[in-house]
Amino acid sequence: MPVQIAFSVVPTMAMARGRARRRSVVAPDIFAAAFAKVAPLHPGEVVVVGDSPYDVEAARGCGIAAVALRSGGFADAVLSEAGAVAVYDDVAALLAGYAASPLAA
């Protein structure tokens, strides 16, 4: 089966008294909506790539494994405690180590 890989950076905006502000927490419903678009894949066949513990926790909330990137500025321990299955410096490092990464599994 061909593997579909999609990267998407979606800034989440919330309105606060008429002004837009960034929401720092990613909700699981974002991944659930994206996951619905790759059906009939199952959670065990999908890996989320994110750069914060919030991304990792949101993915876990949908039963999806998450690879974390240090480019978000969070410590390895924080990303691992959130449930990241692997941690890489950035997308370039993930690509360079793709063959040994959870994405290739």
Protein backbone atom coordinates (compact mmCIF):
# COMPACT_ATOMS: atom_id res chain seq x y z
CA MET A 1 0.00 0.00 0.00
CA PRO A 2 1.44 3.43 -0.89
CA VAL A 3 2.15 5.68 2.05
CA GLN A 4 0.60 9.12 2.04
CA ILE A 5 2.60 11.76 3.86
CA ALA A 6 1.12 15.18 4.43
CA PHE A 7 2.64 18.04 6.37
CA SER A 8 0.38 20.85 7.38
CA VAL A 9 0.98 23.80 9.61
CA VAL A 10 -2.36 25.21 10.67
CA PRO A 11 -2.27 28.20 13.00
CA THR A 12 -5.22 27.94 15.34
CA MET A 13 -6.84 31.27 15.99
CA ALA A 14 -9.24 32.18 18.76
CA MET A 15 -11.11 35.44 19.15
CA ALA A 16 -10.51 37.40 22.33
CA ARG A 17 -12.62 40.54 22.69
CA GLY A 18 -12.58 41.21 18.97
CA ARG A 19 -8.87 40.54 18.53
CA ALA A 20 -7.42 37.38 17.05
CA ARG A 21 -4.84 35.61 19.18
CA ARG A 22 -2.92 32.37 18.71
CA ARG A 23 -4.12 29.43 20.77
CA SER A 24 -1.06 27.51 22.03
CA VAL A 25 -2.84 24.22 22.59
CA VAL A 26 -3.66 21.88 19.73
CA ALA A 27 -6.94 20.06 20.24
CA PRO A 28 -7.37 16.40 19.27
CA ASP A 29 -10.27 17.31 16.99
CA ILE A 30 -7.80 18.81 14.49
CA PHE A 31 -6.09 15.44 14.10
CA ALA A 32 -9.38 13.56 14.18
CA ALA A 33 -10.63 15.65 11.25
CA ALA A 34 -7.40 15.08 9.31
CA PHE A 35 -7.46 11.38 10.16
CA ALA A 36 -10.98 11.08 8.77
CA LYS A 37 -9.64 12.27 5.41
CA VAL A 38 -7.12 9.42 5.15
CA ALA A 39 -9.69 6.69 5.86
CA PRO A 40 -9.68 3.70 5.68
CA LEU A 41 -6.34 3.92 7.50
CA HIS A 42 -6.35 3.01 11.18
CA PRO A 43 -4.62 4.99 13.97
CA GLY A 44 -1.78 2.44 14.04
CA GLU A 45 -1.01 3.26 10.40
CA VAL A 46 -0.68 7.01 10.92
CA VAL A 47 2.05 9.08 12.55
CA VAL A 48 1.73 12.75 13.46
CA VAL A 49 4.79 15.01 13.30
CA GLY A 50 4.65 17.95 15.69
CA ASP A 51 6.92 20.34 17.53
CA SER A 52 5.21 20.66 20.89
CA PRO A 53 3.95 18.45 23.70
CA TYR A 54 0.46 19.72 22.81
CA ASP A 55 0.76 18.19 19.33
CA VAL A 56 1.87 14.89 20.86
CA GLU A 57 -0.94 14.87 23.44
CA ALA A 58 -3.54 15.72 20.79
CA ALA A 59 -2.34 12.87 18.58
CA ARG A 60 -2.39 10.48 21.53
CA GLY A 61 -5.94 11.61 22.24
CA CYS A 62 -6.85 10.16 18.83
CA GLY A 63 -4.81 6.99 19.34
CA ILE A 64 -2.17 8.15 16.85
CA ALA A 65 1.60 7.91 17.45
CA ALA A 66 3.55 11.17 17.33
CA VAL A 67 7.10 12.07 16.38
CA ALA A 68 8.30 15.29 17.99
CA LEU A 69 10.66 17.93 16.65
CA ARG A 70 12.98 19.99 18.88
CA SER A 71 12.41 22.98 16.59
CA GLY A 72 9.44 23.92 18.80
CA GLY A 73 11.82 24.77 21.63
CA PHE A 74 10.66 22.10 24.09
CA ALA A 75 13.06 19.85 26.00
CA ASP A 76 13.34 16.19 25.02
CA ALA A 77 12.03 15.16 28.44
CA VAL A 78 8.88 17.24 27.98
CA LEU A 79 8.25 15.80 24.51
CA SER A 80 8.91 12.23 25.69
CA GLU A 81 6.71 12.62 28.78
CA ALA A 82 3.91 13.82 26.48
CA GLY A 83 4.26 10.49 24.66
CA ALA A 84 6.46 11.16 21.63
CA VAL A 85 7.66 7.88 20.10
CA ALA A 86 10.80 9.62 18.79
CA VAL A 87 12.39 13.09 18.91
CA TYR A 88 14.37 14.75 16.10
CA ASP A 89 16.07 18.14 15.83
CA ASP A 90 13.89 19.29 12.92
CA VAL A 91 12.20 18.11 9.72
CA ALA A 92 15.58 17.89 7.95
CA ALA A 93 16.91 15.52 10.62
CA LEU A 94 13.76 13.42 10.39
CA LEU A 95 14.16 13.19 6.63
CA ALA A 96 17.86 12.30 6.95
CA GLY A 97 16.99 9.51 9.39
CA TYR A 98 13.78 8.48 7.65
CA ALA A 99 14.76 4.82 7.09
CA ALA A 100 15.18 4.26 10.84
CA SER A 101 12.27 6.49 11.88
CA PRO A 102 8.74 5.53 12.97
CA LEU A 103 7.54 6.95 9.64
CA ALA A 104 9.25 4.12 7.77
CA ALA A 105 7.85 1.40 10.01
